[in-house]
Amino acid sequence: MEFKGFSDKTIPFLESIRKNNSKDWFELHRREYELYILEPSRSFVKEFGEHLMALEPSINFSPKINKSLFRIYRDTRRMGANKVPLKHRIGLIFWQGNGRRMQSSSFYLHFSPDELFVATGVRWFEKPMLDAYRVYIKDKYKREELNNLLHFLMDKGYSVIEKGYKRFPRGVNTNMLNSHLFLYKGMATYKVLNPKLIENGDKLIDTLYKIYEDMLPLQKIVYEISLRVKEDN
């Protein structure tokens, strides 16, 4: 089915989830979830995934839960996890490589009643990816390339995730050029848009494509880093 945009009832439905966050409420409104969230999400993934292949032919996508789609239920078993059972923020991901999707360089977005969040990269490195990132930026030329790219993206109106550490890793010369890059625990750029954009299918796809085209150089760098994980682990 051709993607024409999400319904104008999608955002209000997500607001209803936020206000009535219980499994019992959700089971009574499951058909609305399927109609306003699940079915158009699947349609979007199929269509936009084909567009993204023009930017990165090896990108992975699949209109299935635990692939490009995320479960509506939270994992509340983890320590410190948000204990409300349902998500009112809907995430979609297109990832590159054979690793786990959240530790693979990706084109990611989520929408909620508050925002449409569009990002590229990996927001939070686990140890294998963090180690590979630190090896990568030991090369002064790669540090310079990455630093210049981040400033280029910020000049175009994109944001870069905040640094994850206040202290440098042991052995890092803090006086070397662009040493601040060692303070990151992830590497991603993002832009926040009006969530109402999801209701216009053509405009949404066109806007996302242009954003991801700008972000593509960072996608490629983070993907290169992920390949080093495979080589070294």
Protein backbone atom coordinates (compact mmCIF):
# COMPACT_ATOMS: atom_id res chain seq x y z
CA MET A 1 0.00 0.00 0.00
CA GLU A 2 1.35 3.43 -0.96
CA PHE A 3 2.28 5.63 1.98
CA LYS A 4 0.14 8.78 2.08
CA GLY A 5 1.07 9.95 5.57
CA PHE A 6 -0.14 9.19 9.06
CA SER A 7 -3.70 10.04 10.04
CA ASP A 8 -4.53 13.35 11.70
CA LYS A 9 -5.75 11.10 14.53
CA THR A 10 -2.28 9.59 15.11
CA ILE A 11 -0.87 12.34 17.33
CA PRO A 12 -4.08 12.62 19.41
CA PHE A 13 -4.00 8.84 19.86
CA LEU A 14 -0.44 9.03 21.18
CA GLU A 15 -1.56 11.73 23.59
CA SER A 16 -4.31 9.39 24.74
CA ILE A 17 -1.70 6.70 25.41
CA ARG A 18 0.23 9.18 27.52
CA LYS A 19 -2.88 10.03 29.56
CA ASN A 20 -4.26 6.48 29.84
CA ASN A 21 -1.11 4.43 30.09
CA SER A 22 -2.26 0.94 31.03
CA LYS A 23 -2.42 -2.45 29.34
CA ASP A 24 -6.16 -2.69 29.96
CA TRP A 25 -6.78 0.64 28.20
CA PHE A 26 -4.56 -0.38 25.31
CA GLU A 27 -6.35 -3.69 24.74
CA LEU A 28 -9.61 -1.77 24.42
CA HIS A 29 -7.99 0.51 21.84
CA ARG A 30 -5.76 -1.98 20.01
CA ARG A 31 -7.58 -1.52 16.70
CA GLU A 32 -6.88 2.23 16.84
CA TYR A 33 -3.20 1.44 17.42
CA GLU A 34 -3.18 -0.81 14.36
CA LEU A 35 -5.02 1.74 12.24
CA TYR A 36 -3.22 4.93 13.27
CA ILE A 37 0.26 3.61 14.15
CA LEU A 38 1.13 0.10 13.04
CA GLU A 39 -0.29 -0.06 9.52
CA PRO A 40 0.99 3.35 8.33
CA SER A 41 4.37 2.67 9.99
CA ARG A 42 4.75 -0.51 7.95
CA SER A 43 3.76 1.35 4.79
CA PHE A 44 6.22 4.15 5.56
CA VAL A 45 9.12 1.75 6.19
CA LYS A 46 8.56 -0.01 2.87
CA GLU A 47 8.40 3.20 0.85
CA PHE A 48 11.04 5.27 2.62
CA GLY A 49 13.44 2.34 2.83
CA GLU A 50 13.49 2.26 -0.96
CA HIS A 51 14.25 5.99 -1.03
CA LEU A 52 17.11 5.55 1.44
CA MET A 53 18.69 2.91 -0.78
CA ALA A 54 19.49 5.72 -3.22
CA LEU A 55 21.69 7.23 -0.47
CA GLU A 56 23.04 3.98 0.96
CA PRO A 57 22.31 0.83 -1.08
CA SER A 58 23.26 -1.55 1.76
CA ILE A 59 20.81 -0.08 4.28
CA ASN A 60 18.65 -2.62 6.16
CA PHE A 61 14.93 -2.20 6.73
CA SER A 62 11.95 -4.42 7.37
CA PRO A 63 8.34 -3.44 8.27
CA LYS A 64 8.31 -5.82 11.24
CA ILE A 65 8.39 -5.44 15.02
CA ASN A 66 11.97 -5.70 16.36
CA LYS A 67 13.28 -4.81 12.90
CA SER A 68 12.49 -1.30 11.64
CA LEU A 69 9.56 -1.09 14.06
CA PHE A 70 9.74 -1.10 17.85
CA ARG A 71 7.37 -2.75 20.30
CA ILE A 72 4.68 -0.52 21.78
CA TYR A 73 5.29 -2.08 25.21
CA ARG A 74 8.26 -0.95 27.26
CA ASP A 75 10.73 -3.37 28.84
CA THR A 76 10.01 -2.39 32.43
CA ARG A 77 12.16 -5.18 33.89
CA ARG A 78 15.43 -3.29 33.50
CA MET A 79 16.76 -1.38 36.48
CA GLY A 80 15.99 2.30 36.12
CA ALA A 81 13.60 1.74 33.22
CA ASN A 82 10.50 3.86 32.79
CA LYS A 83 7.81 1.80 34.55
CA VAL A 84 4.77 2.93 32.54
CA PRO A 85 3.89 0.01 30.24
CA LEU A 86 3.28 1.79 26.93
CA LYS A 87 5.34 4.09 24.74
CA HIS A 88 3.74 7.30 23.49
CA ARG A 89 6.79 7.87 21.28
CA ILE A 90 6.97 5.77 18.10
CA GLY A 91 10.44 4.93 16.79
CA LEU A 92 11.49 3.72 13.34
CA ILE A 93 14.98 2.66 12.30
CA PHE A 94 16.92 1.88 9.12
CA TRP A 95 20.32 0.42 9.98
CA GLN A 96 23.51 -0.51 8.15
CA GLY A 97 25.57 -3.62 8.79
CA ASN A 98 25.00 -7.04 10.33
CA GLY A 99 25.23 -6.05 13.99
CA ARG A 100 22.43 -5.28 16.41
CA ARG A 101 20.31 -2.46 15.08
CA MET A 102 20.86 -0.10 18.04
CA GLN A 103 24.64 -0.56 17.81
CA SER A 104 24.70 -0.15 14.02
CA SER A 105 25.00 3.18 12.27
CA SER A 106 21.44 4.06 11.40
CA PHE A 107 18.94 6.53 10.08
CA TYR A 108 16.50 6.85 12.98
CA LEU A 109 13.37 8.83 13.74
CA HIS A 110 10.66 8.95 16.34
CA PHE A 111 7.47 10.94 16.67
CA SER A 112 5.33 11.82 19.66
CA PRO A 113 2.83 14.56 20.56
CA ASP A 114 5.86 16.74 21.33
CA GLU A 115 8.24 16.31 18.39
CA LEU A 116 9.46 14.59 15.27
CA PHE A 117 13.06 13.64 16.08
CA VAL A 118 15.35 12.77 13.15
CA ALA A 119 18.86 11.40 13.70
CA THR A 120 21.82 9.56 12.21
CA GLY A 121 24.60 7.58 13.92
CA VAL A 122 24.57 5.75 17.26
CA ARG A 123 23.46 7.73 20.32
CA TRP A 124 25.04 5.50 22.98
CA PHE A 125 27.99 3.18 22.32
CA GLU A 126 28.26 -0.06 24.20
CA LYS A 127 31.83 -1.07 25.09
CA PRO A 128 32.85 -2.83 21.82
CA MET A 129 31.66 0.13 19.76
CA LEU A 130 33.12 2.65 22.21
CA ASP A 131 36.51 0.94 22.04
CA ALA A 132 36.40 0.96 18.24
CA TYR A 133 35.44 4.65 18.23
CA ARG A 134 38.38 5.55 20.46
CA VAL A 135 40.80 3.61 18.27
CA TYR A 136 39.37 5.39 15.23
CA ILE A 137 39.89 8.89 16.62
CA LYS A 138 43.44 8.19 17.74
CA ASP A 139 44.28 9.03 14.12
CA LYS A 140 44.70 12.82 14.03
CA TYR A 141 43.44 13.07 10.45
CA LYS A 142 40.25 11.17 11.28
CA ARG A 143 39.75 13.38 14.34
CA GLU A 144 40.10 16.46 12.18
CA GLU A 145 37.71 15.06 9.57
CA LEU A 146 35.10 14.22 12.21
CA ASN A 147 35.45 17.55 14.01
CA ASN A 148 35.09 19.48 10.75
CA LEU A 149 32.03 17.44 9.82
CA LEU A 150 30.34 18.11 13.15
CA HIS A 151 30.87 21.85 12.73
CA PHE A 152 29.58 21.65 9.16
CA LEU A 153 26.40 19.94 10.36
CA MET A 154 25.90 22.44 13.16
CA ASP A 155 26.35 25.31 10.70
CA LYS A 156 23.51 23.77 8.66
CA GLY A 157 21.21 23.81 11.69
CA TYR A 158 21.66 20.28 13.01
CA SER A 159 22.52 19.38 16.60
CA VAL A 160 25.16 16.99 17.88
CA ILE A 161 24.52 14.79 20.92
CA GLU A 162 26.08 15.95 24.16
CA LYS A 163 29.35 14.54 25.41
CA GLY A 164 28.87 11.50 27.62
CA TYR A 165 31.92 11.93 29.83
CA LYS A 166 33.50 14.72 31.88
CA ARG A 167 36.86 12.97 32.27
CA PHE A 168 39.16 11.84 29.48
CA PRO A 169 40.04 8.15 29.09
CA ARG A 170 43.33 7.12 30.62
CA GLY A 171 46.31 7.81 28.38
CA VAL A 172 44.67 10.48 26.21
CA ASN A 173 46.77 13.60 25.68
CA THR A 174 44.27 16.34 26.42
CA ASN A 175 46.44 18.93 24.66
CA MET A 176 46.27 17.28 21.26
CA LEU A 177 44.06 18.83 18.61
CA ASN A 178 40.37 17.88 18.83
CA SER A 179 40.92 15.81 21.98
CA HIS A 180 37.38 16.74 23.07
CA LEU A 181 36.10 13.99 20.77
CA PHE A 182 37.26 11.44 23.35
CA LEU A 183 34.56 12.71 25.72
CA TYR A 184 31.73 11.37 23.56
CA LYS A 185 30.01 8.10 24.43
CA GLY A 186 28.12 8.04 21.16
CA MET A 187 28.26 9.86 17.88
CA ALA A 188 25.07 11.14 16.30
CA THR A 189 23.51 14.26 14.85
CA TYR A 190 19.82 15.14 15.00
CA LYS A 191 17.12 17.65 14.17
CA VAL A 192 13.77 18.23 15.89
CA LEU A 193 10.74 19.03 13.74
CA ASN A 194 7.01 19.63 14.17
CA PRO A 195 5.28 16.24 14.65
CA LYS A 196 2.37 17.32 12.43
CA LEU A 197 4.72 16.75 9.48
CA ILE A 198 3.96 13.02 9.66
CA GLU A 199 0.46 13.70 8.31
CA ASN A 200 1.74 14.77 4.87
CA GLY A 201 3.33 11.71 3.27
CA ASP A 202 5.07 13.38 0.33
CA LYS A 203 6.40 16.27 2.40
CA LEU A 204 7.57 13.92 5.16
CA ILE A 205 9.53 11.72 2.77
CA ASP A 206 11.02 14.68 0.92
CA THR A 207 12.04 16.43 4.17
CA LEU A 208 13.58 13.30 5.69
CA TYR A 209 15.48 12.49 2.52
CA LYS A 210 17.09 15.93 2.41
CA ILE A 211 18.02 15.75 6.10
CA TYR A 212 19.54 12.29 5.79
CA GLU A 213 21.40 13.36 2.67
CA ASP A 214 23.06 16.10 4.75
CA MET A 215 23.78 13.63 7.55
CA LEU A 216 25.10 10.87 5.28
CA PRO A 217 28.82 11.63 5.82
CA LEU A 218 28.42 11.01 9.57
CA GLN A 219 26.44 7.85 8.85
CA LYS A 220 29.41 6.60 6.80
CA ILE A 221 31.95 7.39 9.52
CA VAL A 222 29.97 5.61 12.23
CA TYR A 223 29.49 2.65 9.89
CA GLU A 224 33.25 2.52 9.30
CA ILE A 225 33.74 2.46 13.07
CA SER A 226 31.25 -0.42 13.37
CA LEU A 227 33.29 -2.45 10.88
CA ARG A 228 36.27 -2.16 13.21
CA VAL A 229 34.20 -3.79 15.94
CA LYS A 230 33.78 -6.83 13.73
CA GLU A 231 37.47 -6.92 12.91
CA ASP A 232 38.69 -6.60 16.47
CA ASN A 233 36.11 -8.60 18.44
